[in-house]
Amino acid sequence: IELSLNFRHPWLASSPADFWQRWHITLSSWLRDYVYIPLGGNQNQHSSHPRRRTAINIVITFALGGLWHGAAWNFVLWGLLHAALILIWRTVSSSNFKSPGSVSTILTFMLISTSWLLFRESDMAFIGRNIFESRGELQVAAALAATTLLYSTPLWLHAIIDQPRIEKLWTQNDVSRTAAFTALTLTSFIGILLLRASTSAEFIYFRF
């Protein structure tokens, strides 16, 4: 059985739009082909306000993408948040502001990770209360950011070592390749054991 590639190192994405070219590729491709493009996509030259029309198409597409996950307001807001991230990122990028690739990747990772709060929690009052109560608590925010990066270490290691530039190094020495992948596997396994939660939770996609 040959399955379609559905995830392509999404945590190495350098922008929110790049993330959706790497994450849940079958869903994002379907939304692009059957929602975004039929709405006009970014080909809106005949519109009196082409940029506005493109923005509306993006918002509609991601709102429907949120509804695909569930008929609840938190999923709609989750989709709208991703649309907003893409539009804001485009606006900043068009202003000739350039940031190093590593900075863009880390910033994208933190923004996407934060968006999962809306995906996971259906109690909007709980989300609003905690966001506003935590405002200004930079130490808490820094601790959460550090924890998120720490938990994602195995993912980063695997994604980095799987890059074509790194892979070329292994072709010269099979022994070093075997040793590197063995060390990576052991490191990832130990990291998962050390960072695992003390209690188990239902896998989020079992809801759908």
N, C-alpha and C. Protein backbone atom coordinates (compact mmCIF):
# COMPACT_ATOMS: atom_id res chain seq x y z
N ILE A 1 0.85 -1.18 0.00
CA ILE A 1 0.00 0.00 0.00
C ILE A 1 0.89 1.24 0.00
N GLU A 2 0.64 2.14 -0.92
CA GLU A 2 1.41 3.38 -0.99
C GLU A 2 0.54 4.53 -0.49
N LEU A 3 0.93 5.09 0.64
CA LEU A 3 0.16 6.17 1.25
C LEU A 3 0.74 7.53 0.87
N SER A 4 -0.12 8.52 0.82
CA SER A 4 0.33 9.88 0.51
C SER A 4 1.13 10.45 1.67
N LEU A 5 2.14 11.24 1.34
CA LEU A 5 2.92 11.93 2.37
C LEU A 5 2.02 12.96 3.04
N ASN A 6 1.88 12.88 4.36
CA ASN A 6 0.95 13.76 5.06
C ASN A 6 1.64 14.78 5.96
N PHE A 7 2.87 14.49 6.37
CA PHE A 7 3.62 15.42 7.21
C PHE A 7 5.06 15.46 6.71
N ARG A 8 5.57 16.67 6.50
CA ARG A 8 6.93 16.83 5.97
C ARG A 8 7.70 17.80 6.86
N HIS A 9 8.15 17.29 8.00
CA HIS A 9 8.91 18.09 8.96
C HIS A 9 8.25 19.45 9.21
N PRO A 10 7.00 19.47 9.69
CA PRO A 10 6.29 20.75 9.86
C PRO A 10 6.96 21.69 10.86
N TRP A 11 7.71 21.14 11.82
CA TRP A 11 8.31 22.02 12.83
C TRP A 11 9.56 22.73 12.33
N LEU A 12 9.94 22.48 11.08
CA LEU A 12 11.01 23.25 10.46
C LEU A 12 10.46 24.35 9.56
N ALA A 13 9.14 24.55 9.59
CA ALA A 13 8.51 25.58 8.75
C ALA A 13 9.05 26.96 9.11
N SER A 14 9.24 27.78 8.10
CA SER A 14 9.79 29.12 8.31
C SER A 14 8.72 30.21 8.31
N SER A 15 7.45 29.81 8.17
CA SER A 15 6.34 30.76 8.21
C SER A 15 5.05 29.96 8.42
N PRO A 16 3.96 30.62 8.85
CA PRO A 16 2.69 29.91 8.99
C PRO A 16 2.21 29.28 7.68
N ALA A 17 2.42 29.97 6.56
CA ALA A 17 2.01 29.40 5.27
C ALA A 17 2.85 28.17 4.94
N ASP A 18 4.14 28.23 5.23
CA ASP A 18 5.03 27.09 5.01
C ASP A 18 4.62 25.92 5.89
N PHE A 19 4.15 26.22 7.10
CA PHE A 19 3.68 25.16 8.00
C PHE A 19 2.57 24.35 7.36
N TRP A 20 1.62 25.05 6.70
CA TRP A 20 0.49 24.35 6.10
C TRP A 20 0.85 23.66 4.79
N GLN A 21 2.05 23.86 4.30
CA GLN A 21 2.53 23.07 3.17
C GLN A 21 3.24 21.81 3.66
N ARG A 22 3.42 21.72 4.98
CA ARG A 22 4.11 20.58 5.58
C ARG A 22 3.21 19.76 6.51
N TRP A 23 2.18 20.39 7.07
CA TRP A 23 1.33 19.76 8.08
C TRP A 23 0.02 19.30 7.46
N HIS A 24 -0.39 18.07 7.76
CA HIS A 24 -1.67 17.53 7.28
C HIS A 24 -1.85 17.87 5.80
N ILE A 25 -0.90 17.43 4.99
CA ILE A 25 -0.82 17.84 3.59
C ILE A 25 -2.07 17.42 2.81
N THR A 26 -2.63 16.26 3.12
CA THR A 26 -3.82 15.82 2.39
C THR A 26 -4.99 16.77 2.62
N LEU A 27 -5.16 17.23 3.87
CA LEU A 27 -6.25 18.16 4.17
C LEU A 27 -5.98 19.53 3.56
N SER A 28 -4.78 20.05 3.73
CA SER A 28 -4.47 21.38 3.20
C SER A 28 -4.55 21.39 1.67
N SER A 29 -4.16 20.28 1.03
CA SER A 29 -4.26 20.21 -0.43
C SER A 29 -5.71 20.19 -0.87
N TRP A 30 -6.55 19.46 -0.13
CA TRP A 30 -7.98 19.40 -0.46
C TRP A 30 -8.62 20.78 -0.31
N LEU A 31 -8.31 21.48 0.79
CA LEU A 31 -8.85 22.82 1.00
C LEU A 31 -8.38 23.79 -0.08
N ARG A 32 -7.13 23.64 -0.50
CA ARG A 32 -6.60 24.50 -1.56
C ARG A 32 -7.32 24.26 -2.88
N ASP A 33 -7.49 22.96 -3.23
CA ASP A 33 -8.04 22.61 -4.54
C ASP A 33 -9.55 22.81 -4.64
N TYR A 34 -10.27 22.59 -3.52
CA TYR A 34 -11.73 22.59 -3.59
C TYR A 34 -12.39 23.77 -2.88
N VAL A 35 -11.61 24.59 -2.18
CA VAL A 35 -12.18 25.77 -1.52
C VAL A 35 -11.44 27.03 -1.96
N TYR A 36 -10.14 27.08 -1.70
CA TYR A 36 -9.37 28.30 -1.95
C TYR A 36 -9.32 28.68 -3.43
N ILE A 37 -8.94 27.74 -4.29
CA ILE A 37 -8.83 28.04 -5.72
C ILE A 37 -10.20 28.35 -6.34
N PRO A 38 -11.26 27.56 -6.06
CA PRO A 38 -12.58 27.92 -6.60
C PRO A 38 -13.07 29.30 -6.16
N LEU A 39 -12.65 29.75 -4.98
CA LEU A 39 -13.02 31.09 -4.53
C LEU A 39 -12.25 32.18 -5.29
N GLY A 40 -11.20 31.77 -5.97
CA GLY A 40 -10.38 32.73 -6.71
C GLY A 40 -8.93 32.70 -6.31
N GLY A 41 -8.63 32.05 -5.17
CA GLY A 41 -7.24 31.95 -4.72
C GLY A 41 -6.60 33.32 -4.60
N ASN A 42 -5.39 33.43 -5.14
CA ASN A 42 -4.72 34.72 -5.15
C ASN A 42 -4.72 35.34 -6.55
N GLN A 43 -5.53 34.76 -7.45
CA GLN A 43 -5.64 35.28 -8.81
C GLN A 43 -6.89 36.16 -8.90
N ASN A 44 -6.79 37.36 -8.35
CA ASN A 44 -7.95 38.25 -8.28
C ASN A 44 -7.66 39.59 -8.96
N GLN A 45 -6.98 39.53 -10.12
CA GLN A 45 -6.60 40.76 -10.81
C GLN A 45 -7.81 41.56 -11.27
N HIS A 46 -8.93 40.87 -11.55
CA HIS A 46 -10.12 41.55 -12.05
C HIS A 46 -10.94 42.17 -10.92
N SER A 47 -10.57 41.88 -9.69
CA SER A 47 -11.28 42.46 -8.56
C SER A 47 -10.79 43.89 -8.32
N SER A 48 -11.68 44.74 -7.83
CA SER A 48 -11.30 46.13 -7.54
C SER A 48 -10.32 46.21 -6.37
N HIS A 49 -10.35 45.20 -5.51
CA HIS A 49 -9.43 45.14 -4.37
C HIS A 49 -8.85 43.72 -4.30
N PRO A 50 -7.87 43.40 -5.16
CA PRO A 50 -7.36 42.02 -5.24
C PRO A 50 -6.77 41.50 -3.93
N ARG A 51 -6.04 42.34 -3.20
CA ARG A 51 -5.44 41.88 -1.95
C ARG A 51 -6.52 41.57 -0.91
N ARG A 52 -7.53 42.42 -0.87
CA ARG A 52 -8.62 42.19 0.07
C ARG A 52 -9.36 40.91 -0.28
N ARG A 53 -9.57 40.67 -1.58
CA ARG A 53 -10.26 39.46 -2.01
C ARG A 53 -9.45 38.22 -1.66
N THR A 54 -8.13 38.28 -1.85
CA THR A 54 -7.28 37.15 -1.49
C THR A 54 -7.34 36.89 0.01
N ALA A 55 -7.33 37.96 0.81
CA ALA A 55 -7.42 37.81 2.26
C ALA A 55 -8.73 37.16 2.67
N ILE A 56 -9.82 37.57 2.02
CA ILE A 56 -11.13 36.97 2.32
C ILE A 56 -11.13 35.49 1.97
N ASN A 57 -10.52 35.14 0.84
CA ASN A 57 -10.44 33.73 0.44
C ASN A 57 -9.67 32.90 1.47
N ILE A 58 -8.59 33.47 1.98
CA ILE A 58 -7.79 32.77 3.00
C ILE A 58 -8.61 32.58 4.27
N VAL A 59 -9.32 33.62 4.69
CA VAL A 59 -10.12 33.55 5.92
C VAL A 59 -11.22 32.49 5.78
N ILE A 60 -11.92 32.49 4.65
CA ILE A 60 -13.00 31.51 4.43
C ILE A 60 -12.43 30.09 4.43
N THR A 61 -11.31 29.90 3.75
CA THR A 61 -10.70 28.57 3.65
C THR A 61 -10.32 28.03 5.03
N PHE A 62 -9.69 28.86 5.84
CA PHE A 62 -9.26 28.38 7.15
C PHE A 62 -10.42 28.26 8.14
N ALA A 63 -11.44 29.08 7.98
CA ALA A 63 -12.63 28.92 8.82
C ALA A 63 -13.29 27.56 8.54
N LEU A 64 -13.39 27.20 7.26
CA LEU A 64 -13.94 25.89 6.90
C LEU A 64 -13.02 24.77 7.34
N GLY A 65 -11.70 25.02 7.28
CA GLY A 65 -10.75 24.02 7.78
C GLY A 65 -10.92 23.78 9.26
N GLY A 66 -11.23 24.84 10.01
CA GLY A 66 -11.51 24.68 11.43
C GLY A 66 -12.78 23.88 11.66
N LEU A 67 -13.83 24.19 10.88
CA LEU A 67 -15.09 23.46 11.01
C LEU A 67 -14.94 21.99 10.64
N TRP A 68 -14.00 21.69 9.75
CA TRP A 68 -13.76 20.29 9.38
C TRP A 68 -13.38 19.47 10.60
N HIS A 69 -12.69 20.09 11.56
CA HIS A 69 -12.26 19.38 12.75
C HIS A 69 -13.37 19.22 13.78
N GLY A 70 -14.40 20.05 13.70
CA GLY A 70 -15.50 19.92 14.64
C GLY A 70 -16.39 21.14 14.60
N ALA A 71 -17.69 20.92 14.85
CA ALA A 71 -18.66 22.02 14.83
C ALA A 71 -18.67 22.71 16.19
N ALA A 72 -17.62 23.46 16.46
CA ALA A 72 -17.51 24.19 17.72
C ALA A 72 -16.75 25.48 17.46
N TRP A 73 -17.04 26.49 18.30
CA TRP A 73 -16.44 27.80 18.08
C TRP A 73 -14.93 27.79 18.23
N ASN A 74 -14.41 26.94 19.11
CA ASN A 74 -12.96 26.94 19.29
C ASN A 74 -12.23 26.51 18.02
N PHE A 75 -12.84 25.59 17.24
CA PHE A 75 -12.22 25.16 15.99
C PHE A 75 -12.29 26.26 14.93
N VAL A 76 -13.42 26.99 14.92
CA VAL A 76 -13.55 28.11 13.98
C VAL A 76 -12.50 29.18 14.31
N LEU A 77 -12.38 29.51 15.59
CA LEU A 77 -11.40 30.51 16.00
C LEU A 77 -9.98 30.04 15.73
N TRP A 78 -9.75 28.75 15.90
CA TRP A 78 -8.43 28.18 15.60
C TRP A 78 -8.09 28.38 14.12
N GLY A 79 -9.06 28.11 13.25
CA GLY A 79 -8.84 28.32 11.82
C GLY A 79 -8.63 29.79 11.49
N LEU A 80 -9.44 30.67 12.10
CA LEU A 80 -9.30 32.10 11.86
C LEU A 80 -7.95 32.62 12.37
N LEU A 81 -7.47 32.06 13.47
CA LEU A 81 -6.17 32.47 13.99
C LEU A 81 -5.06 32.13 13.00
N HIS A 82 -5.13 30.95 12.39
CA HIS A 82 -4.12 30.58 11.40
C HIS A 82 -4.21 31.49 10.17
N ALA A 83 -5.43 31.85 9.78
CA ALA A 83 -5.59 32.78 8.66
C ALA A 83 -4.96 34.13 9.01
N ALA A 84 -5.18 34.59 10.24
CA ALA A 84 -4.61 35.87 10.67
C ALA A 84 -3.09 35.81 10.69
N LEU A 85 -2.53 34.69 11.16
CA LEU A 85 -1.07 34.55 11.20
C LEU A 85 -0.48 34.62 9.80
N ILE A 86 -1.13 33.95 8.85
CA ILE A 86 -0.64 33.96 7.46
C ILE A 86 -0.71 35.36 6.88
N LEU A 87 -1.82 36.06 7.10
CA LEU A 87 -1.99 37.40 6.54
C LEU A 87 -1.02 38.40 7.17
N ILE A 88 -0.85 38.32 8.49
CA ILE A 88 0.09 39.22 9.16
C ILE A 88 1.51 38.96 8.69
N TRP A 89 1.86 37.66 8.56
CA TRP A 89 3.21 37.30 8.12
C TRP A 89 3.46 37.83 6.70
N ARG A 90 2.44 37.72 5.84
CA ARG A 90 2.58 38.22 4.47
C ARG A 90 2.79 39.73 4.47
N THR A 91 2.04 40.43 5.31
CA THR A 91 2.15 41.89 5.37
C THR A 91 3.54 42.31 5.82
N VAL A 92 4.04 41.64 6.86
CA VAL A 92 5.37 41.97 7.37
C VAL A 92 6.44 41.64 6.32
N SER A 93 6.29 40.50 5.65
CA SER A 93 7.28 40.08 4.65
C SER A 93 7.30 41.04 3.46
N SER A 94 6.13 41.58 3.09
CA SER A 94 6.06 42.49 1.94
C SER A 94 6.67 43.85 2.25
N SER A 95 6.95 44.12 3.52
CA SER A 95 7.55 45.40 3.91
C SER A 95 9.07 45.35 3.86
N ASN A 96 9.61 44.30 3.21
CA ASN A 96 11.06 44.11 3.05
C ASN A 96 11.77 43.83 4.37
N PHE A 97 10.99 43.46 5.39
CA PHE A 97 11.61 43.07 6.66
C PHE A 97 12.04 41.61 6.55
N LYS A 98 13.30 41.35 6.78
CA LYS A 98 13.83 40.00 6.68
C LYS A 98 14.43 39.58 8.01
N SER A 99 14.13 38.37 8.41
CA SER A 99 14.71 37.82 9.63
C SER A 99 15.49 36.56 9.28
N PRO A 100 16.51 36.23 10.07
CA PRO A 100 17.27 34.99 9.80
C PRO A 100 16.35 33.78 9.78
N GLY A 101 16.71 32.79 8.96
CA GLY A 101 15.87 31.60 8.83
C GLY A 101 15.59 30.91 10.14
N SER A 102 16.61 30.81 11.00
CA SER A 102 16.43 30.14 12.28
C SER A 102 15.45 30.90 13.17
N VAL A 103 15.50 32.23 13.13
CA VAL A 103 14.58 33.05 13.93
C VAL A 103 13.14 32.85 13.44
N SER A 104 12.95 32.84 12.12
CA SER A 104 11.62 32.63 11.55
C SER A 104 11.08 31.26 11.92
N THR A 105 11.94 30.25 11.91
CA THR A 105 11.51 28.90 12.25
C THR A 105 11.08 28.81 13.70
N ILE A 106 11.87 29.38 14.60
CA ILE A 106 11.53 29.34 16.03
C ILE A 106 10.26 30.14 16.31
N LEU A 107 10.13 31.32 15.68
CA LEU A 107 8.94 32.14 15.88
C LEU A 107 7.70 31.42 15.37
N THR A 108 7.81 30.80 14.19
CA THR A 108 6.69 30.04 13.64
C THR A 108 6.31 28.91 14.58
N PHE A 109 7.31 28.21 15.09
CA PHE A 109 7.06 27.09 16.00
C PHE A 109 6.29 27.56 17.24
N MET A 110 6.69 28.69 17.82
CA MET A 110 6.04 29.19 19.02
C MET A 110 4.61 29.65 18.73
N LEU A 111 4.39 30.30 17.59
CA LEU A 111 3.05 30.76 17.23
C LEU A 111 2.11 29.58 17.00
N ILE A 112 2.58 28.59 16.26
CA ILE A 112 1.74 27.42 15.97
C ILE A 112 1.46 26.65 17.25
N SER A 113 2.47 26.51 18.11
CA SER A 113 2.28 25.79 19.37
C SER A 113 1.24 26.49 20.24
N THR A 114 1.26 27.82 20.25
CA THR A 114 0.28 28.58 21.03
C THR A 114 -1.13 28.39 20.48
N SER A 115 -1.24 28.27 19.16
CA SER A 115 -2.56 28.13 18.55
C SER A 115 -3.25 26.83 18.95
N TRP A 116 -2.47 25.82 19.37
CA TRP A 116 -3.09 24.55 19.75
C TRP A 116 -3.95 24.68 21.00
N LEU A 117 -3.77 25.77 21.76
CA LEU A 117 -4.63 26.00 22.92
C LEU A 117 -6.09 26.07 22.50
N LEU A 118 -6.36 26.80 21.40
CA LEU A 118 -7.73 26.89 20.90
C LEU A 118 -8.22 25.55 20.37
N PHE A 119 -7.32 24.78 19.80
CA PHE A 119 -7.70 23.48 19.24
C PHE A 119 -8.06 22.50 20.34
N ARG A 120 -7.33 22.56 21.44
CA ARG A 120 -7.48 21.56 22.51
C ARG A 120 -8.60 21.89 23.48
N GLU A 121 -8.80 23.17 23.77
CA GLU A 121 -9.74 23.58 24.81
C GLU A 121 -11.02 24.14 24.20
N SER A 122 -12.16 23.54 24.52
CA SER A 122 -13.44 23.98 23.97
C SER A 122 -14.15 25.00 24.86
N ASP A 123 -13.68 25.17 26.09
CA ASP A 123 -14.28 26.12 27.01
C ASP A 123 -13.70 27.50 26.75
N MET A 124 -14.42 28.33 25.99
CA MET A 124 -13.90 29.63 25.60
C MET A 124 -13.72 30.56 26.80
N ALA A 125 -14.60 30.43 27.80
CA ALA A 125 -14.47 31.25 29.00
C ALA A 125 -13.16 30.93 29.73
N PHE A 126 -12.82 29.64 29.76
CA PHE A 126 -11.58 29.21 30.40
C PHE A 126 -10.37 29.80 29.68
N ILE A 127 -10.41 29.76 28.34
CA ILE A 127 -9.30 30.29 27.55
C ILE A 127 -9.15 31.79 27.79
N GLY A 128 -10.27 32.52 27.68
CA GLY A 128 -10.21 33.96 27.86
C GLY A 128 -9.75 34.35 29.25
N ARG A 129 -10.25 33.65 30.26
CA ARG A 129 -9.88 33.96 31.64
C ARG A 129 -8.39 33.76 31.87
N ASN A 130 -7.86 32.66 31.36
CA ASN A 130 -6.45 32.36 31.59
C ASN A 130 -5.53 33.27 30.78
N ILE A 131 -5.96 33.63 29.56
CA ILE A 131 -5.12 34.52 28.75
C ILE A 131 -5.02 35.89 29.41
N PHE A 132 -6.17 36.42 29.85
CA PHE A 132 -6.15 37.77 30.42
C PHE A 132 -5.51 37.79 31.80
N GLU A 133 -5.67 36.71 32.57
CA GLU A 133 -5.05 36.67 33.88
C GLU A 133 -3.54 36.53 33.78
N SER A 134 -3.07 35.92 32.68
CA SER A 134 -1.63 35.68 32.52
C SER A 134 -0.93 36.84 31.83
N ARG A 135 -1.68 37.84 31.39
CA ARG A 135 -1.09 38.95 30.66
C ARG A 135 -0.05 39.66 31.52
N GLY A 136 1.12 39.86 30.95
CA GLY A 136 2.18 40.56 31.67
C GLY A 136 3.07 39.66 32.49
N GLU A 137 2.71 38.40 32.63
CA GLU A 137 3.53 37.49 33.42
C GLU A 137 4.60 36.89 32.51
N LEU A 138 5.65 37.66 32.29
CA LEU A 138 6.69 37.26 31.34
C LEU A 138 7.44 36.02 31.80
N GLN A 139 7.59 35.86 33.10
CA GLN A 139 8.30 34.69 33.61
C GLN A 139 7.54 33.41 33.28
N VAL A 140 6.22 33.46 33.43
CA VAL A 140 5.41 32.29 33.10
C VAL A 140 5.49 32.00 31.61
N ALA A 141 5.41 33.05 30.79
CA ALA A 141 5.48 32.87 29.34
C ALA A 141 6.83 32.28 28.94
N ALA A 142 7.91 32.78 29.55
CA ALA A 142 9.25 32.28 29.23
C ALA A 142 9.39 30.82 29.64
N ALA A 143 8.82 30.47 30.79
CA ALA A 143 8.89 29.08 31.26
C ALA A 143 8.12 28.15 30.32
N LEU A 144 6.95 28.59 29.87
CA LEU A 144 6.17 27.78 28.94
C LEU A 144 6.90 27.61 27.60
N ALA A 145 7.52 28.70 27.13
CA ALA A 145 8.26 28.63 25.88
C ALA A 145 9.43 27.66 25.99
N ALA A 146 10.16 27.75 27.10
CA ALA A 146 11.31 26.86 27.30
C ALA A 146 10.86 25.40 27.40
N THR A 147 9.74 25.17 28.09
CA THR A 147 9.22 23.80 28.22
C THR A 147 8.80 23.25 26.86
N THR A 148 8.15 24.09 26.06
CA THR A 148 7.72 23.65 24.73
C THR A 148 8.91 23.27 23.87
N LEU A 149 9.95 24.10 23.89
CA LEU A 149 11.15 23.80 23.11
C LEU A 149 11.83 22.53 23.60
N LEU A 150 11.84 22.34 24.93
CA LEU A 150 12.47 21.15 25.50
C LEU A 150 11.73 19.88 25.07
N TYR A 151 10.40 19.92 25.13
CA TYR A 151 9.61 18.76 24.75
C TYR A 151 9.76 18.43 23.27
N SER A 152 10.07 19.43 22.47
CA SER A 152 10.15 19.21 21.03
C SER A 152 11.55 18.81 20.58
N THR A 153 12.50 18.68 21.51
CA THR A 153 13.88 18.37 21.14
C THR A 153 14.01 17.13 20.25
N PRO A 154 13.36 16.00 20.60
CA PRO A 154 13.47 14.83 19.71
C PRO A 154 12.97 15.11 18.30
N LEU A 155 11.91 15.91 18.17
CA LEU A 155 11.39 16.25 16.84
C LEU A 155 12.40 17.07 16.05
N TRP A 156 13.01 18.05 16.72
CA TRP A 156 14.01 18.89 16.05
C TRP A 156 15.20 18.05 15.59
N LEU A 157 15.68 17.16 16.47
CA LEU A 157 16.84 16.34 16.12
C LEU A 157 16.55 15.47 14.90
N HIS A 158 15.39 14.84 14.91
CA HIS A 158 15.05 13.96 13.80
C HIS A 158 14.89 14.75 12.50
N ALA A 159 14.24 15.90 12.58
CA ALA A 159 14.03 16.71 11.38
C ALA A 159 15.34 17.23 10.81
N ILE A 160 16.24 17.66 11.69
CA ILE A 160 17.51 18.22 11.24
C ILE A 160 18.39 17.15 10.59
N ILE A 161 18.47 15.98 11.22
CA ILE A 161 19.36 14.94 10.71
C ILE A 161 18.83 14.33 9.42
N ASP A 162 17.55 14.55 9.14
CA ASP A 162 16.94 13.99 7.94
C ASP A 162 17.03 14.94 6.74
N GLN A 163 17.67 16.09 6.93
CA GLN A 163 17.80 17.05 5.84
C GLN A 163 18.79 16.54 4.78
N PRO A 164 18.56 16.86 3.49
CA PRO A 164 19.44 16.38 2.42
C PRO A 164 20.90 16.76 2.62
N ARG A 165 21.16 17.97 3.13
CA ARG A 165 22.55 18.39 3.32
C ARG A 165 23.27 17.52 4.34
N ILE A 166 22.54 17.14 5.40
CA ILE A 166 23.14 16.28 6.42
C ILE A 166 23.29 14.86 5.89
N GLU A 167 22.30 14.44 5.11
CA GLU A 167 22.31 13.06 4.61
C GLU A 167 23.51 12.80 3.71
N LYS A 168 24.01 13.83 3.01
CA LYS A 168 25.17 13.66 2.14
C LYS A 168 26.41 13.23 2.92
N LEU A 169 26.47 13.65 4.19
CA LEU A 169 27.63 13.30 5.00
C LEU A 169 27.70 11.80 5.26
N TRP A 170 26.53 11.15 5.28
CA TRP A 170 26.52 9.73 5.63
C TRP A 170 26.96 8.85 4.47
N THR A 171 26.86 9.35 3.25
CA THR A 171 27.19 8.51 2.09
C THR A 171 28.67 8.15 2.05
N GLN A 172 29.49 8.92 2.75
CA GLN A 172 30.92 8.66 2.72
C GLN A 172 31.35 7.64 3.77
N ASN A 173 30.52 7.43 4.77
CA ASN A 173 30.92 6.54 5.86
C ASN A 173 29.68 5.88 6.46
N ASP A 174 29.47 4.61 6.12
CA ASP A 174 28.30 3.89 6.61
C ASP A 174 28.35 3.69 8.12
N VAL A 175 29.57 3.55 8.66
CA VAL A 175 29.71 3.34 10.10
C VAL A 175 29.25 4.57 10.87
N SER A 176 29.66 5.75 10.42
CA SER A 176 29.26 6.98 11.10
C SER A 176 27.76 7.20 10.99
N ARG A 177 27.18 6.81 9.86
CA ARG A 177 25.74 6.96 9.69
C ARG A 177 24.99 6.07 10.67
N THR A 178 25.41 4.82 10.77
CA THR A 178 24.77 3.89 11.70
C THR A 178 24.90 4.38 13.14
N ALA A 179 26.10 4.84 13.49
CA ALA A 179 26.32 5.33 14.85
C ALA A 179 25.47 6.56 15.15
N ALA A 180 25.37 7.47 14.18
CA ALA A 180 24.61 8.70 14.38
C ALA A 180 23.12 8.40 14.56
N PHE A 181 22.58 7.54 13.70
CA PHE A 181 21.16 7.23 13.80
C PHE A 181 20.85 6.42 15.05
N THR A 182 21.77 5.57 15.47
CA THR A 182 21.58 4.83 16.72
C THR A 182 21.56 5.78 17.91
N ALA A 183 22.50 6.73 17.92
CA ALA A 183 22.55 7.71 19.00
C ALA A 183 21.30 8.58 19.01
N LEU A 184 20.84 8.97 17.82
CA LEU A 184 19.64 9.80 17.72
C LEU A 184 18.42 9.06 18.23
N THR A 185 18.29 7.79 17.85
CA THR A 185 17.15 6.99 18.28
C THR A 185 17.14 6.83 19.79
N LEU A 186 18.31 6.52 20.37
CA LEU A 186 18.39 6.35 21.82
C LEU A 186 18.10 7.67 22.54
N THR A 187 18.64 8.77 22.02
CA THR A 187 18.40 10.08 22.63
C THR A 187 16.92 10.44 22.60
N SER A 188 16.29 10.20 21.47
CA SER A 188 14.86 10.51 21.35
C SER A 188 14.04 9.64 22.29
N PHE A 189 14.38 8.35 22.37
CA PHE A 189 13.63 7.43 23.22
C PHE A 189 13.77 7.82 24.69
N ILE A 190 15.00 8.12 25.11
CA ILE A 190 15.23 8.52 26.50
C ILE A 190 14.52 9.85 26.79
N GLY A 191 14.57 10.77 25.81
CA GLY A 191 13.89 12.06 26.00
C GLY A 191 12.40 11.90 26.18
N ILE A 192 11.80 11.01 25.38
CA ILE A 192 10.36 10.77 25.50
C ILE A 192 10.02 10.18 26.86
N LEU A 193 10.86 9.26 27.35
CA LEU A 193 10.62 8.66 28.66
C LEU A 193 10.72 9.69 29.78
N LEU A 194 11.71 10.58 29.68
CA LEU A 194 11.92 11.58 30.73
C LEU A 194 10.84 12.66 30.71
N LEU A 195 10.35 12.99 29.52
CA LEU A 195 9.42 14.10 29.39
C LEU A 195 7.96 13.67 29.33
N ARG A 196 7.71 12.38 29.41
CA ARG A 196 6.33 11.92 29.28
C ARG A 196 5.50 12.42 30.46
N ALA A 197 4.22 12.59 30.21
CA ALA A 197 3.31 13.05 31.25
C ALA A 197 3.07 11.95 32.27
N SER A 198 2.80 12.34 33.51
CA SER A 198 2.55 11.35 34.56
C SER A 198 1.21 10.66 34.38
N THR A 199 0.29 11.32 33.68
CA THR A 199 -1.01 10.72 33.40
C THR A 199 -1.24 10.71 31.90
N SER A 200 -2.00 9.74 31.43
CA SER A 200 -2.27 9.63 30.00
C SER A 200 -3.52 10.42 29.65
N ALA A 201 -3.58 10.85 28.38
CA ALA A 201 -4.74 11.59 27.89
C ALA A 201 -5.15 11.02 26.54
N GLU A 202 -6.43 11.14 26.23
CA GLU A 202 -6.93 10.63 24.97
C GLU A 202 -6.32 11.41 23.81
N PHE A 203 -5.89 10.68 22.78
CA PHE A 203 -5.33 11.32 21.59
C PHE A 203 -6.40 12.21 20.97
N ILE A 204 -6.03 13.48 20.72
CA ILE A 204 -7.01 14.50 20.32
C ILE A 204 -7.77 14.10 19.06
N TYR A 205 -7.12 13.42 18.10
CA TYR A 205 -7.79 13.10 16.84
C TYR A 205 -8.76 11.93 16.97
N PHE A 206 -8.80 11.27 18.13
CA PHE A 206 -9.80 10.23 18.33
C PHE A 206 -11.21 10.82 18.40
N ARG A 207 -11.30 12.15 18.58
CA ARG A 207 -12.61 12.79 18.64
C ARG A 207 -13.28 12.84 17.27
N PHE A 208 -12.48 12.79 16.21
CA PHE A 208 -13.03 13.08 14.88
C PHE A 208 -13.35 11.80 14.12
